């Protein structure tokens, strides 16, 4: 490295062709940088409200004998 990096700064490693984040400066430690644009964990999912679970299943019998 040409200069001392600052904590949480991003540095590019030409050897591994990756952007890394400085997680510690003394000793110097790098970690894979987190990229929000690549985060598609919510993609395709709908938020679900747990408070009204009973309404989602209609009029199901409450006792097993009624099934």
C-alpha atoms as a PDB file:
ATOM      1  CA  UNK A   1       0.000   0.000   0.000  1.00  0.00           C
ATOM      2  CA  UNK A   2       1.235   3.426  -0.867  1.00  0.00           C
ATOM      3  CA  UNK A   3      -0.315   5.204   2.106  1.00  0.00           C
ATOM      4  CA  UNK A   4      -1.860   4.291   5.451  1.00  0.00           C
ATOM      5  CA  UNK A   5      -5.545   3.520   4.831  1.00  0.00           C
ATOM      6  CA  UNK A   6      -8.315   4.829   7.057  1.00  0.00           C
ATOM      7  CA  UNK A   7     -10.706   2.560   8.936  1.00  0.00           C
ATOM      8  CA  UNK A   8     -13.734   1.528   6.816  1.00  0.00           C
ATOM      9  CA  UNK A   9     -12.131   2.806   3.615  1.00  0.00           C
ATOM     10  CA  UNK A  10     -12.264   0.710   0.468  1.00  0.00           C
ATOM     11  CA  UNK A  11      -9.094  -0.416  -1.272  1.00  0.00           C
ATOM     12  CA  UNK A  12      -8.673  -2.258  -4.529  1.00  0.00           C
ATOM     13  CA  UNK A  13      -6.442  -5.329  -4.691  1.00  0.00           C
ATOM     14  CA  UNK A  14      -5.110  -5.738  -8.231  1.00  0.00           C
ATOM     15  CA  UNK A  15      -3.761  -9.184  -7.383  1.00  0.00           C
ATOM     16  CA  UNK A  16      -7.181 -10.658  -6.568  1.00  0.00           C
ATOM     17  CA  UNK A  17      -9.181  -8.110  -8.612  1.00  0.00           C
ATOM     18  CA  UNK A  18     -11.449  -7.354  -5.642  1.00  0.00           C
ATOM     19  CA  UNK A  19     -12.450  -4.338  -3.582  1.00  0.00           C
ATOM     20  CA  UNK A  20     -11.703  -4.827   0.103  1.00  0.00           C
ATOM     21  CA  UNK A  21     -12.683  -2.872   3.215  1.00  0.00           C
ATOM     22  CA  UNK A  22     -10.229  -1.839   5.932  1.00  0.00           C
ATOM     23  CA  UNK A  23     -11.618  -3.363   9.144  1.00  0.00           C
ATOM     24  CA  UNK A  24      -8.558  -2.648  11.322  1.00  0.00           C
ATOM     25  CA  UNK A  25      -5.589  -0.332  10.901  1.00  0.00           C
ATOM     26  CA  UNK A  26      -3.314  -1.674  13.645  1.00  0.00           C
ATOM     27  CA  UNK A  27      -2.698  -4.403  12.702  1.00  0.00           C
ATOM     28  CA  UNK A  28      -3.900  -3.856   9.166  1.00  0.00           C
ATOM     29  CA  UNK A  29      -6.798  -6.196   8.397  1.00  0.00           C
ATOM     30  CA  UNK A  30      -8.912  -6.286   5.263  1.00  0.00           C
ATOM     31  CA  UNK A  31     -12.221  -8.008   4.613  1.00  0.00           C
ATOM     32  CA  UNK A  32     -14.467  -8.439   1.585  1.00  0.00           C
ATOM     33  CA  UNK A  33     -16.335  -5.203   0.968  1.00  0.00           C
ATOM     34  CA  UNK A  34     -20.117  -5.432   1.250  1.00  0.00           C
ATOM     35  CA  UNK A  35     -21.906  -4.139  -1.831  1.00  0.00           C
ATOM     36  CA  UNK A  36     -25.553  -3.128  -1.314  1.00  0.00           C
ATOM     37  CA  UNK A  37     -26.211  -3.316  -5.047  1.00  0.00           C
ATOM     38  CA  UNK A  38     -25.432  -7.031  -5.037  1.00  0.00           C
ATOM     39  CA  UNK A  39     -27.776  -7.699  -2.113  1.00  0.00           C
ATOM     40  CA  UNK A  40     -30.848  -9.297  -3.655  1.00  0.00           C
ATOM     41  CA  UNK A  41     -31.872 -11.279  -0.583  1.00  0.00           C
ATOM     42  CA  UNK A  42     -35.277  -9.504  -0.506  1.00  0.00           C
ATOM     43  CA  UNK A  43     -35.869  -9.826  -4.220  1.00  0.00           C
ATOM     44  CA  UNK A  44     -38.990 -11.805  -5.030  1.00  0.00           C
ATOM     45  CA  UNK A  45     -40.274 -11.814  -1.452  1.00  0.00           C
ATOM     46  CA  UNK A  46     -43.263  -9.954  -0.066  1.00  0.00           C
ATOM     47  CA  UNK A  47     -43.370  -8.512   3.442  1.00  0.00           C
ATOM     48  CA  UNK A  48     -45.758 -10.560   5.561  1.00  0.00           C
ATOM     49  CA  UNK A  49     -47.646  -9.235   8.566  1.00  0.00           C
ATOM     50  CA  UNK A  50     -47.792 -11.947  11.242  1.00  0.00           C
ATOM     51  CA  UNK A  51     -50.508 -10.214  13.270  1.00  0.00           C
ATOM     52  CA  UNK A  52     -53.404 -11.458  11.149  1.00  0.00           C
ATOM     53  CA  UNK A  53     -52.383 -15.085  10.565  1.00  0.00           C
ATOM     54  CA  UNK A  54     -55.870 -16.431  11.385  1.00  0.00           C
ATOM     55  CA  UNK A  55     -57.435 -14.471   8.516  1.00  0.00           C
ATOM     56  CA  UNK A  56     -55.088 -16.022   5.973  1.00  0.00           C
ATOM     57  CA  UNK A  57     -56.551 -19.518   6.223  1.00  0.00           C
ATOM     58  CA  UNK A  58     -60.274 -18.769   6.162  1.00  0.00           C
ATOM     59  CA  UNK A  59     -62.641 -20.788   8.338  1.00  0.00           C
ATOM     60  CA  UNK A  60     -60.596 -23.853   9.231  1.00  0.00           C
ATOM     61  CA  UNK A  61     -61.928 -26.105  11.992  1.00  0.00           C
ATOM     62  CA  UNK A  62     -60.261 -25.560  15.350  1.00  0.00           C
ATOM     63  CA  UNK A  63     -60.563 -29.164  16.639  1.00  0.00           C
ATOM     64  CA  UNK A  64     -59.004 -32.123  14.881  1.00  0.00           C
ATOM     65  CA  UNK A  65     -62.298 -34.015  15.267  1.00  0.00           C
ATOM     66  CA  UNK A  66     -63.923 -31.533  12.880  1.00  0.00           C
ATOM     67  CA  UNK A  67     -61.450 -32.219  10.065  1.00  0.00           C
END
